[in-house]
Structures are given as structure tokens and as C-alpha cells.
C-alpha atoms as a PDB file:
ATOM      1  CA  MET A   1     100.347  71.058 107.154  1.00  0.00           C
ATOM      2  CA  HIS A   2      97.099  72.811 108.061  1.00  0.00           C
ATOM      3  CA  ARG A   3      96.529  76.269 106.879  1.00  0.00           C
ATOM      4  CA  PHE A   4      94.104  78.867 108.148  1.00  0.00           C
ATOM      5  CA  ALA A   5      92.595  81.262 105.379  1.00  0.00           C
ATOM      6  CA  THR A   6      91.584  84.013 107.609  1.00  0.00           C
ATOM      7  CA  ASP A   7      92.994  85.585 110.917  1.00  0.00           C
ATOM      8  CA  ARG A   8      90.030  85.169 112.408  1.00  0.00           C
ATOM      9  CA  GLU A   9      90.214  81.173 112.108  1.00  0.00           C
ATOM     10  CA  ALA A  10      93.468  81.527 113.582  1.00  0.00           C
ATOM     11  CA  LEU A  11      92.814  83.614 116.467  1.00  0.00           C
ATOM     12  CA  ASP A  12      89.772  81.507 117.231  1.00  0.00           C
ATOM     13  CA  PHE A  13      92.222  78.249 117.530  1.00  0.00           C
ATOM     14  CA  LEU A  14      94.659  80.006 119.602  1.00  0.00           C
ATOM     15  CA  ALA A  15      92.251  81.521 121.794  1.00  0.00           C
ATOM     16  CA  GLY A  16      90.448  78.484 122.343  1.00  0.00           C
ATOM     17  CA  ARG A  17      93.628  76.306 123.238  1.00  0.00           C
ATOM     18  CA  ILE A  18      94.695  78.930 125.448  1.00  0.00           C
ATOM     19  CA  ALA A  19      91.152  79.010 126.976  1.00  0.00           C
ATOM     20  CA  SER A  20      91.782  75.366 127.564  1.00  0.00           C
ATOM     21  CA  GLN A  21      94.901  75.622 129.368  1.00  0.00           C
ATOM     22  CA  ALA A  22      93.349  77.937 131.381  1.00  0.00           C
ATOM     23  CA  LYS A  23      90.523  75.574 132.610  1.00  0.00           C
ATOM     24  CA  ARG A  24      92.718  72.802 133.024  1.00  0.00           C
ATOM     25  CA  GLU A  25      95.110  75.009 135.284  1.00  0.00           C
ATOM     26  CA  ASN A  26      92.478  76.299 137.079  1.00  0.00           C
ATOM     27  CA  VAL A  27      93.257  79.684 135.916  1.00  0.00           C
ATOM     28  CA  PRO A  28      90.207  82.397 135.780  1.00  0.00           C
ATOM     29  CA  LEU A  29      89.825  84.203 132.338  1.00  0.00           C
ATOM     30  CA  SER A  30      87.588  86.587 132.479  1.00  0.00           C
ATOM     31  CA  ASP A  31      85.385  87.326 129.312  1.00  0.00           C
ATOM     32  CA  VAL A  32      87.322  90.828 128.722  1.00  0.00           C
ATOM     33  CA  GLU A  33      90.880  88.693 129.350  1.00  0.00           C
ATOM     34  CA  ARG A  34      89.476  86.115 126.388  1.00  0.00           C
ATOM     35  CA  LYS A  35      88.457  89.050 124.228  1.00  0.00           C
ATOM     36  CA  MET A  36      91.945  90.649 124.409  1.00  0.00           C
ATOM     37  CA  LEU A  37      93.323  87.535 122.806  1.00  0.00           C
ATOM     38  CA  TYR A  38      91.741  89.099 119.552  1.00  0.00           C
ATOM     39  CA  PHE A  39      92.919  92.486 119.947  1.00  0.00           C
ATOM     40  CA  SER A  40      94.781  94.189 117.050  1.00  0.00           C
ATOM     41  CA  GLU A  41      94.773  97.975 116.178  1.00  0.00           C
ATOM     42  CA  ILE A  42      94.746  97.470 112.226  1.00  0.00           C
ATOM     43  CA  SER A  43      94.132  93.709 111.799  1.00  0.00           C
ATOM     44  CA  TRP A  44      91.128  91.686 112.095  1.00  0.00           C
ATOM     45  CA  THR A  45      89.446  92.020 115.566  1.00  0.00           C
ATOM     46  CA  LEU A  46      85.804  91.434 117.232  1.00  0.00           C
ATOM     47  CA  PRO A  47      83.494  94.254 116.810  1.00  0.00           C
ATOM     48  CA  ASP A  48      83.471  95.370 120.254  1.00  0.00           C
ATOM     49  CA  MET A  49      87.118  95.750 120.705  1.00  0.00           C
ATOM     50  CA  ALA A  50      87.292  99.133 121.567  1.00  0.00           C
ATOM     51  CA  THR A  51      84.720  98.772 124.720  1.00  0.00           C
ATOM     52  CA  VAL A  52      86.938  95.595 125.534  1.00  0.00           C
ATOM     53  CA  SER A  53      90.204  97.444 124.979  1.00  0.00           C
ATOM     54  CA  ALA A  54      88.789 100.465 127.359  1.00  0.00           C
ATOM     55  CA  GLU A  55      87.480  98.242 129.761  1.00  0.00           C
ATOM     56  CA  PHE A  56      90.602  96.244 129.701  1.00  0.00           C
ATOM     57  CA  ASP A  57      92.882  99.580 130.438  1.00  0.00           C
ATOM     58  CA  GLN A  58      90.786 100.915 132.977  1.00  0.00           C
ATOM     59  CA  ASN A  59      90.457  97.452 134.959  1.00  0.00           C
ATOM     60  CA  TYR A  60      93.548  95.156 134.568  1.00  0.00           C
ATOM     61  CA  ASN A  61      97.342  95.216 134.694  1.00  0.00           C
ATOM     62  CA  GLN A  62      98.374  94.699 131.342  1.00  0.00           C
ATOM     63  CA  ASP A  63     101.951  93.070 132.540  1.00  0.00           C
ATOM     64  CA  GLU A  64     100.144  90.936 134.721  1.00  0.00           C
ATOM     65  CA  TYR A  65      97.870  89.812 131.933  1.00  0.00           C
ATOM     66  CA  GLU A  66     100.804  89.566 129.824  1.00  0.00           C
ATOM     67  CA  ARG A  67     102.498  86.952 132.316  1.00  0.00           C
ATOM     68  CA  LYS A  68      99.605  85.198 133.011  1.00  0.00           C
ATOM     69  CA  ILE A  69      98.944  84.507 129.225  1.00  0.00           C
ATOM     70  CA  GLY A  70     102.510  83.772 128.778  1.00  0.00           C
ATOM     71  CA  GLN A  71     102.407  81.123 131.572  1.00  0.00           C
ATOM     72  CA  LEU A  72      99.417  79.250 129.774  1.00  0.00           C
ATOM     73  CA  ILE A  73     100.956  79.487 126.679  1.00  0.00           C
ATOM     74  CA  ALA A  74     104.141  77.879 127.891  1.00  0.00           C
ATOM     75  CA  GLY A  75     101.971  75.375 129.877  1.00  0.00           C
ATOM     76  CA  ILE A  76     100.518  74.218 126.275  1.00  0.00           C
ATOM     77  CA  THR A  77     103.778  74.027 124.894  1.00  0.00           C
ATOM     78  CA  ALA A  78     105.417  72.333 127.927  1.00  0.00           C
ATOM     79  CA  ASN A  79     102.236  69.898 128.064  1.00  0.00           C
ATOM     80  CA  HIS A  80     101.935  68.984 124.319  1.00  0.00           C
ATOM     81  CA  HIS A  81     105.146  69.261 122.980  1.00  0.00           C
ATOM     82  CA  GLY A  82     106.087  66.308 121.016  1.00  0.00           C
ATOM     83  CA  GLN A  83     103.050  64.257 122.062  1.00  0.00           C
ATOM     84  CA  ASN A  84     100.363  65.491 118.930  1.00  0.00           C
ATOM     85  CA  GLU A  85     102.427  66.351 115.864  1.00  0.00           C
ATOM     86  CA  GLN A  86      99.089  67.450 114.138  1.00  0.00           C
ATOM     87  CA  GLU A  87      98.260  69.918 117.127  1.00  0.00           C
ATOM     88  CA  GLU A  88     101.596  71.519 116.716  1.00  0.00           C
ATOM     89  CA  GLU A  89     101.588  72.101 113.151  1.00  0.00           C
ATOM     90  CA  LYS A  90      98.043  73.702 113.836  1.00  0.00           C
ATOM     91  CA  TRP A  91      99.486  75.947 116.420  1.00  0.00           C
ATOM     92  CA  ASP A  92     102.302  76.966 114.015  1.00  0.00           C
ATOM     93  CA  ALA A  93     100.002  77.250 111.039  1.00  0.00           C
ATOM     94  CA  ALA A  94      98.177  79.789 113.415  1.00  0.00           C
ATOM     95  CA  VAL A  95     101.042  81.674 114.493  1.00  0.00           C
ATOM     96  CA  ILE A  96     102.459  81.707 111.262  1.00  0.00           C
ATOM     97  CA  LYS A  97      98.993  83.482 109.717  1.00  0.00           C
ATOM     98  CA  LEU A  98      98.979  85.900 112.346  1.00  0.00           C
ATOM     99  CA  SER A  99     102.539  87.005 112.011  1.00  0.00           C
ATOM    100  CA  GLU A 100     101.494  88.642 108.629  1.00  0.00           C
ATOM    101  CA  GLY A 101      99.338  91.190 110.468  1.00  0.00           C
ATOM    102  CA  ASP A 102      99.416  93.237 113.416  1.00  0.00           C
ATOM    103  CA  HIS A 103      98.112  91.091 116.705  1.00  0.00           C
ATOM    104  CA  TYR A 104      98.356  91.629 120.077  1.00  0.00           C
ATOM    105  CA  ILE A 105      98.600  87.882 120.798  1.00  0.00           C
ATOM    106  CA  GLN A 106     102.225  88.112 118.894  1.00  0.00           C
ATOM    107  CA  VAL A 107     103.202  90.269 121.937  1.00  0.00           C
ATOM    108  CA  LEU A 108     101.533  87.464 124.291  1.00  0.00           C
ATOM    109  CA  LEU A 109     103.429  84.508 122.556  1.00  0.00           C
ATOM    110  CA  LYS A 110     106.807  86.364 122.685  1.00  0.00           C
ATOM    111  CA  VAL A 111     106.155  86.930 126.662  1.00  0.00           C
ATOM    112  CA  ALA A 112     105.468  82.724 126.610  1.00  0.00           C
ATOM    113  CA  ALA A 113     108.868  82.598 125.283  1.00  0.00           C
ATOM    114  CA  SER A 114     110.555  84.187 127.880  1.00  0.00           C
ATOM    115  CA  VAL A 115     109.011  82.431 130.698  1.00  0.00           C
ATOM    116  CA  ARG A 116     111.573  80.605 132.474  1.00  0.00           C
ATOM    117  CA  ASN A 117     109.822  78.045 134.246  1.00  0.00           C
ATOM    118  CA  GLY A 118     109.177  74.778 132.281  1.00  0.00           C
ATOM    119  CA  PRO A 119     111.464  73.910 128.913  1.00  0.00           C
ATOM    120  CA  PRO A 120     112.270  76.156 126.209  1.00  0.00           C
ATOM    121  CA  VAL A 121     109.066  77.143 124.103  1.00  0.00           C
ATOM    122  CA  ALA A 122     110.849  78.309 120.882  1.00  0.00           C
ATOM    123  CA  HIS A 123     111.670  75.143 119.512  1.00  0.00           C
ATOM    124  CA  GLY A 124     109.242  74.356 116.608  1.00  0.00           C
ATOM    125  CA  PHE A 125     105.993  74.561 118.627  1.00  0.00           C
ATOM    126  CA  ILE A 126     105.711  78.018 118.930  1.00  0.00           C
ATOM    127  CA  PRO A 127     107.769  79.886 115.895  1.00  0.00           C
ATOM    128  CA  SER A 128     109.967  82.608 116.723  1.00  0.00           C
ATOM    129  CA  PHE A 129     112.722  84.907 115.481  1.00  0.00           C
ATOM    130  CA  ASP A 130     115.081  82.914 116.818  1.00  0.00           C
ATOM    131  CA  ALA A 131     114.016  79.365 115.897  1.00  0.00           C
ATOM    132  CA  PRO A 132     113.860  78.373 111.962  1.00  0.00           C
ATOM    133  CA  ALA A 133     110.321  78.604 110.429  1.00  0.00           C
ATOM    134  CA  ILE A 134     108.470  75.815 109.688  1.00  0.00           C
ATOM    135  CA  ARG A 135     108.997  75.550 105.470  1.00  0.00           C
ATOM    136  CA  PRO A 136     106.333  74.434 103.636  1.00  0.00           C
ATOM    137  CA  PRO A 137     106.541  70.682 101.885  1.00  0.00           C
ATOM    138  CA  HIS A 138     108.819  70.216  98.955  1.00  0.00           C
ATOM    139  CA  ASP A 139     110.194  73.776  99.550  1.00  0.00           C
ATOM    140  CA  ARG A 140     114.002  72.928  99.707  1.00  0.00           C
ATOM    141  CA  LEU A 141     113.200  71.261  96.238  1.00  0.00           C
ATOM    142  CA  LYS A 142     111.588  74.136  94.498  1.00  0.00           C
ATOM    143  CA  LEU A 143     114.549  76.203  95.685  1.00  0.00           C
ATOM    144  CA  TRP A 144     117.033  73.810  94.209  1.00  0.00           C
ATOM    145  CA  LEU A 145     115.140  73.652  91.082  1.00  0.00           C
ATOM    146  CA  THR A 146     114.697  77.384  90.749  1.00  0.00           C
ATOM    147  CA  ALA A 147     118.895  77.712  91.485  1.00  0.00           C
ATOM    148  CA  VAL A 148     119.312  74.880  88.448  1.00  0.00           C
ATOM    149  CA  LEU A 149     116.794  76.699  86.083  1.00  0.00           C
ATOM    150  CA  VAL A 150     118.739  79.913  86.928  1.00  0.00           C
ATOM    151  CA  PHE A 151     122.049  78.976  86.465  1.00  0.00           C
ATOM    152  CA  LEU A 152     120.684  77.111  82.974  1.00  0.00           C
ATOM    153  CA  THR A 153     119.342  80.118  81.617  1.00  0.00           C
ATOM    154  CA  LEU A 154     122.320  82.145  82.370  1.00  0.00           C
ATOM    155  CA  ALA A 155     124.647  79.405  80.629  1.00  0.00           C
ATOM    156  CA  GLY A 156     122.515  79.207  77.639  1.00  0.00           C
ATOM    157  CA  LEU A 157     122.628  82.968  77.648  1.00  0.00           C
ATOM    158  CA  ALA A 158     125.889  83.085  77.631  1.00  0.00           C
ATOM    159  CA  PHE A 159     126.396  80.637  74.762  1.00  0.00           C
ATOM    160  CA  LEU A 160     123.955  82.456  72.753  1.00  0.00           C
ATOM    161  CA  LYS A 161     125.985  85.598  73.289  1.00  0.00           C
ATOM    162  CA  ALA A 162     129.547  83.542  72.146  1.00  0.00           C
ATOM    163  CA  LYS A 163     127.622  82.015  69.345  1.00  0.00           C
ATOM    164  CA  LEU A 164     126.083  85.099  67.651  1.00  0.00           C
ATOM    165  CA  PHE A 165     128.610  87.438  68.605  1.00  0.00           C
ATOM    166  CA  GLY A 166     131.655  85.492  68.910  1.00  0.00           C
ATOM    167  CA  ASN A 167     134.445  85.065  71.521  1.00  0.00           C
END
């Protein structure tokens, strides 16, 4: 599974996919709209985000923007779900990486999940709170081994207690 080392790498990947989808659908995205995909109040963002955010607040309708980006994300899901497993894994890894911080794109992903036209978008391609998260390889095996180790440790301690202190 692909892993993104930084928020910036994950944001670049998602923003690139969204911009490509906008081109495919002939949906114009201004520089301000494209840069708003990187918005965050506390996590990494573009250096000129304060200026971009002020311009966005002044000249754009937030609800329309969220709907527009949500439909683009839903289009990505509808067009690519089940066709390219590696791209799906990269998308999921980027979304999971960004879920560690506070990014506006998380809101846009939730809007995409609520878009009604098209197939459901919250089944593996776009992780959500409703769909199970993608687990790392061998995660279940590690869980079982840990459970067995805890059980054996407790059983060993009980045996030692019985030997040292009797019944």
C-alpha cells in the first residue's frame, strides 16, 4: 500500500486528481479554487493561503464551491472505482494521511459522500466514518498474535502465583 510521508504529498495527489477530473468534465477551476483544496487553519498549507482565503471569502460562494468539488470527487469515484486498484489505494492512503490533521479537503470529501447522483462513494474508494478503514497488511495477524501473547502472559503469571503462594 502506498504511504504519503507528508500532508503536502497527500494534498498534491488529491488536488491533482481533482484538477484532472475538472478538466475531463470541462469544469473550470480558478487558481483560487485550486489553492483552496490546500486550506488548513492548523496543518500544513500553501504559504499564501491567508491571501487566497481572503479572496475566496470575498469572491466565491462556499456552498457552491463545496458542491462543485464534491461532484468532481464523486465523479472520480464513479469513473475509477474498481478499475485501478493502485490508484484507489493511493487515494485511500492520501485521505487517511490527511485525516491525521485538520484540512478543508476533509469537508469536501464528506460533501462528495453526500452527493446523490451516481454510485455510493463511501465504500472503499473514499474512506469515511461509515465505511471500514483500510487496514495495513498483516494487521489482523498482529492483533491475534498480541492477544495470544497477552493470554499466555496472564496464564504464566497465574501459574507462577500458584507455584509461589499455593492455592
